[in-house]
Amino acid sequence: MNISSSIYSFLSDHSYLLPTGVIALTLGMLLLTLLPADVMGENQLWSYDKLGHVVLFGSWSLSVGLYYHIHKSKAVKLWIIFASGTAFGLLIEVLQYILPVNRQGDPVDFLFDVLGCLLAIWLLKIILPKKTET
């Protein structure tokens, strides 16, 4: 048994982990992206902002894809997972633009959100066991 099937089996056996993780990631992402910029402070970590977008949206999309694959009898439609992550990224950028939180919507941030979602879909294609399409 390889590592991806071991992780998949563990997540299948502990079904509460994925929804908990998706909720925690969603809330964390909203906090990190919608808190006023001055609350975040000056930190060297923020210079890796684009990498953070890739990692957060990739993790979110991967978690959602794993959740649906484990909890649904049909094969996961990966384009729906991709579209959901992309829509979430777009929503955050729009909220940053319209809310008075001293943040700015950034199209480049959105592109890195999309990149994270694409990487997650690629990983899901590799690691998910095949299910028949019904």
N, C-alpha and C. Protein backbone atom coordinates (compact mmCIF):
# COMPACT_ATOMS: atom_id res chain seq x y z
N MET A 1 0.85 -1.17 0.00
CA MET A 1 0.00 0.00 0.00
C MET A 1 0.90 1.24 0.00
N ASN A 2 0.68 2.15 -0.96
CA ASN A 2 1.50 3.36 -1.02
C ASN A 2 0.96 4.43 -0.06
N ILE A 3 1.71 5.50 0.06
CA ILE A 3 1.36 6.52 1.05
C ILE A 3 0.03 7.20 0.76
N SER A 4 -0.27 7.46 -0.53
CA SER A 4 -1.54 8.13 -0.83
C SER A 4 -2.73 7.23 -0.51
N SER A 5 -2.62 5.93 -0.74
CA SER A 5 -3.74 5.06 -0.38
C SER A 5 -3.83 4.88 1.13
N SER A 6 -2.71 4.97 1.84
CA SER A 6 -2.75 4.91 3.31
C SER A 6 -3.46 6.14 3.87
N ILE A 7 -3.14 7.31 3.33
CA ILE A 7 -3.79 8.55 3.78
C ILE A 7 -5.27 8.51 3.43
N TYR A 8 -5.58 8.07 2.23
CA TYR A 8 -6.99 7.97 1.80
C TYR A 8 -7.76 7.04 2.73
N SER A 9 -7.18 5.90 3.05
CA SER A 9 -7.81 4.94 3.94
C SER A 9 -8.01 5.54 5.33
N PHE A 10 -7.01 6.24 5.84
CA PHE A 10 -7.12 6.89 7.15
C PHE A 10 -8.26 7.91 7.14
N LEU A 11 -8.33 8.74 6.10
CA LEU A 11 -9.39 9.75 6.02
C LEU A 11 -10.76 9.12 5.86
N SER A 12 -10.83 8.00 5.16
CA SER A 12 -12.11 7.28 5.03
C SER A 12 -12.57 6.75 6.38
N ASP A 13 -11.64 6.24 7.17
CA ASP A 13 -11.96 5.68 8.48
C ASP A 13 -12.29 6.76 9.52
N HIS A 14 -11.78 7.96 9.32
CA HIS A 14 -12.01 9.07 10.24
C HIS A 14 -12.76 10.17 9.49
N SER A 15 -14.00 9.90 9.16
CA SER A 15 -14.76 10.76 8.24
C SER A 15 -15.01 12.17 8.75
N TYR A 16 -14.86 12.41 10.03
CA TYR A 16 -15.08 13.75 10.58
C TYR A 16 -13.92 14.71 10.27
N LEU A 17 -12.75 14.18 9.92
CA LEU A 17 -11.58 15.03 9.73
C LEU A 17 -11.70 15.97 8.53
N LEU A 18 -12.19 15.46 7.40
CA LEU A 18 -12.24 16.30 6.21
C LEU A 18 -13.23 17.45 6.34
N PRO A 19 -14.47 17.24 6.78
CA PRO A 19 -15.34 18.41 6.92
C PRO A 19 -14.81 19.40 7.96
N THR A 20 -14.22 18.90 9.01
CA THR A 20 -13.62 19.77 10.02
C THR A 20 -12.48 20.58 9.40
N GLY A 21 -11.66 19.92 8.61
CA GLY A 21 -10.55 20.60 7.95
C GLY A 21 -11.01 21.64 6.95
N VAL A 22 -12.04 21.31 6.17
CA VAL A 22 -12.55 22.27 5.19
C VAL A 22 -13.13 23.49 5.90
N ILE A 23 -13.87 23.28 6.98
CA ILE A 23 -14.43 24.41 7.73
C ILE A 23 -13.31 25.25 8.32
N ALA A 24 -12.32 24.61 8.92
CA ALA A 24 -11.20 25.35 9.51
C ALA A 24 -10.42 26.12 8.45
N LEU A 25 -10.15 25.48 7.31
CA LEU A 25 -9.45 26.17 6.22
C LEU A 25 -10.26 27.36 5.71
N THR A 26 -11.55 27.17 5.54
CA THR A 26 -12.41 28.24 5.03
C THR A 26 -12.39 29.43 5.98
N LEU A 27 -12.58 29.17 7.27
CA LEU A 27 -12.58 30.25 8.25
C LEU A 27 -11.21 30.92 8.34
N GLY A 28 -10.16 30.12 8.33
CA GLY A 28 -8.80 30.67 8.37
C GLY A 28 -8.50 31.53 7.16
N MET A 29 -8.92 31.07 5.99
CA MET A 29 -8.68 31.83 4.76
C MET A 29 -9.45 33.15 4.80
N LEU A 30 -10.70 33.11 5.27
CA LEU A 30 -11.48 34.34 5.36
C LEU A 30 -10.83 35.32 6.35
N LEU A 31 -10.37 34.81 7.47
CA LEU A 31 -9.70 35.68 8.44
C LEU A 31 -8.42 36.28 7.87
N LEU A 32 -7.59 35.45 7.26
CA LEU A 32 -6.32 35.94 6.72
C LEU A 32 -6.51 36.95 5.59
N THR A 33 -7.57 36.79 4.83
CA THR A 33 -7.74 37.64 3.66
C THR A 33 -8.65 38.83 3.89
N LEU A 34 -9.48 38.80 4.93
CA LEU A 34 -10.43 39.89 5.13
C LEU A 34 -10.18 40.73 6.38
N LEU A 35 -9.24 40.32 7.22
CA LEU A 35 -8.88 41.18 8.35
C LEU A 35 -8.19 42.42 7.80
N PRO A 36 -8.37 43.55 8.46
CA PRO A 36 -7.65 44.75 8.01
C PRO A 36 -6.14 44.50 7.97
N ALA A 37 -5.49 45.07 6.98
CA ALA A 37 -4.06 44.82 6.76
C ALA A 37 -3.23 45.24 7.96
N ASP A 38 -3.61 46.30 8.65
CA ASP A 38 -2.80 46.76 9.78
C ASP A 38 -2.87 45.81 10.97
N VAL A 39 -3.90 44.98 11.06
CA VAL A 39 -4.01 43.98 12.12
C VAL A 39 -2.96 42.89 11.92
N MET A 40 -2.63 42.61 10.67
CA MET A 40 -1.69 41.55 10.34
C MET A 40 -0.25 41.92 10.72
N GLY A 41 0.05 43.21 10.80
CA GLY A 41 1.39 43.64 11.19
C GLY A 41 2.40 43.45 10.07
N GLU A 42 3.58 43.92 10.33
CA GLU A 42 4.69 43.75 9.38
C GLU A 42 5.42 42.47 9.73
N ASN A 43 5.55 41.60 8.76
CA ASN A 43 6.21 40.33 9.00
C ASN A 43 6.85 39.87 7.70
N GLN A 44 8.01 39.29 7.80
CA GLN A 44 8.71 38.75 6.63
C GLN A 44 7.87 37.69 5.91
N LEU A 45 7.02 37.00 6.67
CA LEU A 45 6.17 35.94 6.11
C LEU A 45 5.27 36.47 5.00
N TRP A 46 4.78 37.71 5.13
CA TRP A 46 3.85 38.26 4.14
C TRP A 46 4.52 38.49 2.79
N SER A 47 5.85 38.45 2.72
CA SER A 47 6.52 38.60 1.43
C SER A 47 6.33 37.36 0.56
N TYR A 48 5.83 36.28 1.16
CA TYR A 48 5.54 35.06 0.41
C TYR A 48 4.04 34.94 0.14
N ASP A 49 3.39 36.06 -0.03
CA ASP A 49 1.95 36.14 -0.20
C ASP A 49 1.43 35.23 -1.32
N LYS A 50 2.07 35.26 -2.46
CA LYS A 50 1.57 34.48 -3.61
C LYS A 50 1.69 32.98 -3.35
N LEU A 51 2.77 32.57 -2.72
CA LEU A 51 2.91 31.16 -2.35
C LEU A 51 1.79 30.77 -1.38
N GLY A 52 1.45 31.67 -0.47
CA GLY A 52 0.36 31.42 0.47
C GLY A 52 -0.96 31.20 -0.25
N HIS A 53 -1.22 31.98 -1.29
CA HIS A 53 -2.45 31.80 -2.07
C HIS A 53 -2.48 30.42 -2.71
N VAL A 54 -1.37 30.01 -3.29
CA VAL A 54 -1.31 28.69 -3.93
C VAL A 54 -1.55 27.59 -2.90
N VAL A 55 -0.86 27.68 -1.78
CA VAL A 55 -0.97 26.64 -0.75
C VAL A 55 -2.37 26.59 -0.15
N LEU A 56 -2.92 27.75 0.21
CA LEU A 56 -4.24 27.76 0.84
C LEU A 56 -5.33 27.26 -0.10
N PHE A 57 -5.37 27.78 -1.32
CA PHE A 57 -6.43 27.36 -2.24
C PHE A 57 -6.21 25.95 -2.76
N GLY A 58 -4.96 25.55 -2.87
CA GLY A 58 -4.68 24.16 -3.23
C GLY A 58 -5.12 23.21 -2.13
N SER A 59 -4.82 23.55 -0.88
CA SER A 59 -5.22 22.71 0.25
C SER A 59 -6.74 22.63 0.36
N TRP A 60 -7.38 23.77 0.19
CA TRP A 60 -8.84 23.81 0.28
C TRP A 60 -9.47 22.92 -0.80
N SER A 61 -9.03 23.09 -2.03
CA SER A 61 -9.58 22.30 -3.15
C SER A 61 -9.28 20.81 -2.99
N LEU A 62 -8.08 20.49 -2.54
CA LEU A 62 -7.72 19.10 -2.31
C LEU A 62 -8.62 18.48 -1.23
N SER A 63 -8.82 19.21 -0.14
CA SER A 63 -9.66 18.72 0.95
C SER A 63 -11.11 18.52 0.51
N VAL A 64 -11.63 19.47 -0.24
CA VAL A 64 -13.02 19.36 -0.73
C VAL A 64 -13.13 18.17 -1.69
N GLY A 65 -12.15 18.02 -2.57
CA GLY A 65 -12.17 16.88 -3.51
C GLY A 65 -12.10 15.55 -2.79
N LEU A 66 -11.24 15.44 -1.79
CA LEU A 66 -11.16 14.20 -1.00
C LEU A 66 -12.47 13.92 -0.27
N TYR A 67 -13.04 14.98 0.31
CA TYR A 67 -14.31 14.82 1.02
C TYR A 67 -15.38 14.23 0.10
N TYR A 68 -15.56 14.85 -1.06
CA TYR A 68 -16.60 14.37 -1.98
C TYR A 68 -16.31 12.97 -2.49
N HIS A 69 -15.06 12.66 -2.73
CA HIS A 69 -14.75 11.32 -3.22
C HIS A 69 -15.05 10.26 -2.17
N ILE A 70 -14.74 10.57 -0.93
CA ILE A 70 -14.95 9.59 0.15
C ILE A 70 -16.43 9.46 0.51
N HIS A 71 -17.18 10.56 0.48
CA HIS A 71 -18.55 10.56 0.97
C HIS A 71 -19.62 10.40 -0.10
N LYS A 72 -19.28 10.39 -1.36
CA LYS A 72 -20.27 10.24 -2.43
C LYS A 72 -20.00 8.95 -3.19
N SER A 73 -21.06 8.33 -3.63
CA SER A 73 -20.90 7.06 -4.34
C SER A 73 -20.47 7.25 -5.80
N LYS A 74 -20.75 8.40 -6.36
CA LYS A 74 -20.38 8.67 -7.74
C LYS A 74 -18.96 9.23 -7.82
N ALA A 75 -18.40 9.15 -9.00
CA ALA A 75 -17.08 9.74 -9.23
C ALA A 75 -17.15 11.25 -9.05
N VAL A 76 -16.08 11.81 -8.53
CA VAL A 76 -16.01 13.25 -8.32
C VAL A 76 -15.82 13.95 -9.66
N LYS A 77 -16.61 14.97 -9.88
CA LYS A 77 -16.42 15.79 -11.07
C LYS A 77 -15.40 16.86 -10.69
N LEU A 78 -14.17 16.66 -11.13
CA LEU A 78 -13.08 17.53 -10.72
C LEU A 78 -13.27 18.97 -11.19
N TRP A 79 -13.95 19.16 -12.28
CA TRP A 79 -14.18 20.52 -12.75
C TRP A 79 -15.05 21.30 -11.78
N ILE A 80 -15.94 20.60 -11.05
CA ILE A 80 -16.78 21.27 -10.06
C ILE A 80 -15.92 21.70 -8.86
N ILE A 81 -14.99 20.84 -8.46
CA ILE A 81 -14.08 21.18 -7.37
C ILE A 81 -13.24 22.39 -7.79
N PHE A 82 -12.72 22.37 -9.00
CA PHE A 82 -11.93 23.49 -9.51
C PHE A 82 -12.77 24.77 -9.55
N ALA A 83 -13.99 24.67 -10.07
CA ALA A 83 -14.86 25.85 -10.16
C ALA A 83 -15.20 26.39 -8.77
N SER A 84 -15.39 25.52 -7.80
CA SER A 84 -15.71 25.96 -6.44
C SER A 84 -14.54 26.72 -5.83
N GLY A 85 -13.34 26.18 -5.96
CA GLY A 85 -12.16 26.87 -5.42
C GLY A 85 -11.91 28.19 -6.11
N THR A 86 -12.10 28.21 -7.42
CA THR A 86 -11.92 29.43 -8.19
C THR A 86 -12.95 30.48 -7.79
N ALA A 87 -14.20 30.06 -7.62
CA ALA A 87 -15.25 30.99 -7.21
C ALA A 87 -14.98 31.54 -5.81
N PHE A 88 -14.47 30.69 -4.91
CA PHE A 88 -14.13 31.13 -3.57
C PHE A 88 -13.02 32.19 -3.63
N GLY A 89 -12.01 31.96 -4.45
CA GLY A 89 -10.93 32.93 -4.61
C GLY A 89 -11.44 34.25 -5.18
N LEU A 90 -12.31 34.17 -6.16
CA LEU A 90 -12.88 35.38 -6.75
C LEU A 90 -13.73 36.13 -5.73
N LEU A 91 -14.51 35.41 -4.95
CA LEU A 91 -15.33 36.02 -3.91
C LEU A 91 -14.46 36.80 -2.92
N ILE A 92 -13.37 36.21 -2.50
CA ILE A 92 -12.48 36.89 -1.55
C ILE A 92 -11.90 38.16 -2.16
N GLU A 93 -11.48 38.10 -3.40
CA GLU A 93 -10.90 39.29 -4.03
C GLU A 93 -11.96 40.38 -4.19
N VAL A 94 -13.18 40.02 -4.52
CA VAL A 94 -14.27 41.00 -4.63
C VAL A 94 -14.57 41.60 -3.25
N LEU A 95 -14.62 40.75 -2.22
CA LEU A 95 -14.87 41.26 -0.87
C LEU A 95 -13.76 42.20 -0.43
N GLN A 96 -12.52 41.88 -0.75
CA GLN A 96 -11.42 42.78 -0.41
C GLN A 96 -11.57 44.13 -1.11
N TYR A 97 -12.11 44.10 -2.30
CA TYR A 97 -12.28 45.32 -3.07
C TYR A 97 -13.42 46.18 -2.51
N ILE A 98 -14.53 45.54 -2.11
CA ILE A 98 -15.70 46.34 -1.73
C ILE A 98 -15.81 46.63 -0.23
N LEU A 99 -15.20 45.81 0.62
CA LEU A 99 -15.31 46.03 2.06
C LEU A 99 -14.27 47.05 2.53
N PRO A 100 -14.63 47.84 3.53
CA PRO A 100 -13.69 48.83 4.04
C PRO A 100 -12.71 48.22 5.06
N VAL A 101 -11.88 47.30 4.61
CA VAL A 101 -10.97 46.60 5.52
C VAL A 101 -9.51 46.90 5.20
N ASN A 102 -9.28 47.98 4.49
CA ASN A 102 -7.91 48.36 4.14
C ASN A 102 -7.19 47.24 3.39
N ARG A 103 -7.93 46.56 2.55
CA ARG A 103 -7.37 45.50 1.67
C ARG A 103 -7.76 45.86 0.25
N GLN A 104 -7.04 45.31 -0.69
CA GLN A 104 -7.32 45.57 -2.10
C GLN A 104 -7.47 44.25 -2.84
N GLY A 105 -8.51 44.16 -3.64
CA GLY A 105 -8.65 43.00 -4.52
C GLY A 105 -7.51 43.03 -5.52
N ASP A 106 -6.90 41.89 -5.74
CA ASP A 106 -5.72 41.83 -6.61
C ASP A 106 -5.90 40.71 -7.62
N PRO A 107 -5.96 41.05 -8.92
CA PRO A 107 -6.10 40.00 -9.93
C PRO A 107 -4.96 38.99 -9.92
N VAL A 108 -3.77 39.42 -9.54
CA VAL A 108 -2.63 38.49 -9.49
C VAL A 108 -2.83 37.49 -8.35
N ASP A 109 -3.36 37.95 -7.22
CA ASP A 109 -3.70 37.02 -6.14
C ASP A 109 -4.69 35.98 -6.65
N PHE A 110 -5.68 36.43 -7.39
CA PHE A 110 -6.68 35.51 -7.93
C PHE A 110 -6.03 34.48 -8.87
N LEU A 111 -5.09 34.91 -9.68
CA LEU A 111 -4.40 33.96 -10.57
C LEU A 111 -3.65 32.90 -9.76
N PHE A 112 -3.06 33.28 -8.64
CA PHE A 112 -2.38 32.30 -7.80
C PHE A 112 -3.38 31.40 -7.07
N ASP A 113 -4.57 31.92 -6.76
CA ASP A 113 -5.64 31.07 -6.22
C ASP A 113 -5.99 29.99 -7.25
N VAL A 114 -6.15 30.41 -8.49
CA VAL A 114 -6.48 29.47 -9.57
C VAL A 114 -5.37 28.44 -9.75
N LEU A 115 -4.13 28.88 -9.67
CA LEU A 115 -2.99 27.96 -9.79
C LEU A 115 -3.04 26.91 -8.68
N GLY A 116 -3.34 27.33 -7.45
CA GLY A 116 -3.47 26.39 -6.34
C GLY A 116 -4.58 25.38 -6.59
N CYS A 117 -5.70 25.85 -7.12
CA CYS A 117 -6.82 24.95 -7.44
C CYS A 117 -6.41 23.95 -8.53
N LEU A 118 -5.71 24.43 -9.54
CA LEU A 118 -5.25 23.53 -10.62
C LEU A 118 -4.29 22.46 -10.10
N LEU A 119 -3.38 22.86 -9.23
CA LEU A 119 -2.45 21.88 -8.65
C LEU A 119 -3.21 20.84 -7.83
N ALA A 120 -4.23 21.26 -7.11
CA ALA A 120 -5.02 20.32 -6.32
C ALA A 120 -5.75 19.33 -7.23
N ILE A 121 -6.30 19.82 -8.32
CA ILE A 121 -7.01 18.93 -9.26
C ILE A 121 -6.03 17.92 -9.86
N TRP A 122 -4.85 18.38 -10.20
CA TRP A 122 -3.82 17.48 -10.73
C TRP A 122 -3.50 16.40 -9.71
N LEU A 123 -3.31 16.79 -8.43
CA LEU A 123 -3.03 15.81 -7.38
C LEU A 123 -4.20 14.84 -7.20
N LEU A 124 -5.41 15.36 -7.22
CA LEU A 124 -6.59 14.50 -7.08
C LEU A 124 -6.65 13.47 -8.20
N LYS A 125 -6.33 13.88 -9.42
CA LYS A 125 -6.34 12.94 -10.55
C LYS A 125 -5.35 11.80 -10.32
N ILE A 126 -4.25 12.12 -9.66
CA ILE A 126 -3.22 11.11 -9.42
C ILE A 126 -3.58 10.20 -8.25
N ILE A 127 -4.10 10.75 -7.16
CA ILE A 127 -4.23 9.98 -5.93
C ILE A 127 -5.59 9.33 -5.70
N LEU A 128 -6.64 9.83 -6.32
CA LEU A 128 -7.95 9.26 -6.03
C LEU A 128 -8.13 7.90 -6.68
N PRO A 129 -8.63 6.94 -5.91
CA PRO A 129 -8.98 5.66 -6.52
C PRO A 129 -10.11 5.87 -7.52
N LYS A 130 -10.14 5.09 -8.56
CA LYS A 130 -11.15 5.24 -9.61
C LYS A 130 -12.51 4.75 -9.12
N LYS A 131 -13.53 5.52 -9.44
CA LYS A 131 -14.93 5.12 -9.22
C LYS A 131 -15.59 5.17 -10.58
N THR A 132 -16.59 4.36 -10.74
CA THR A 132 -17.32 4.38 -12.00
C THR A 132 -18.27 5.58 -12.02
N GLU A 133 -18.39 6.18 -13.17
CA GLU A 133 -19.30 7.32 -13.38
C GLU A 133 -20.71 6.79 -13.54
N THR A 134 -21.62 7.30 -12.69
CA THR A 134 -23.03 6.85 -12.83
C THR A 134 -23.92 8.02 -13.11
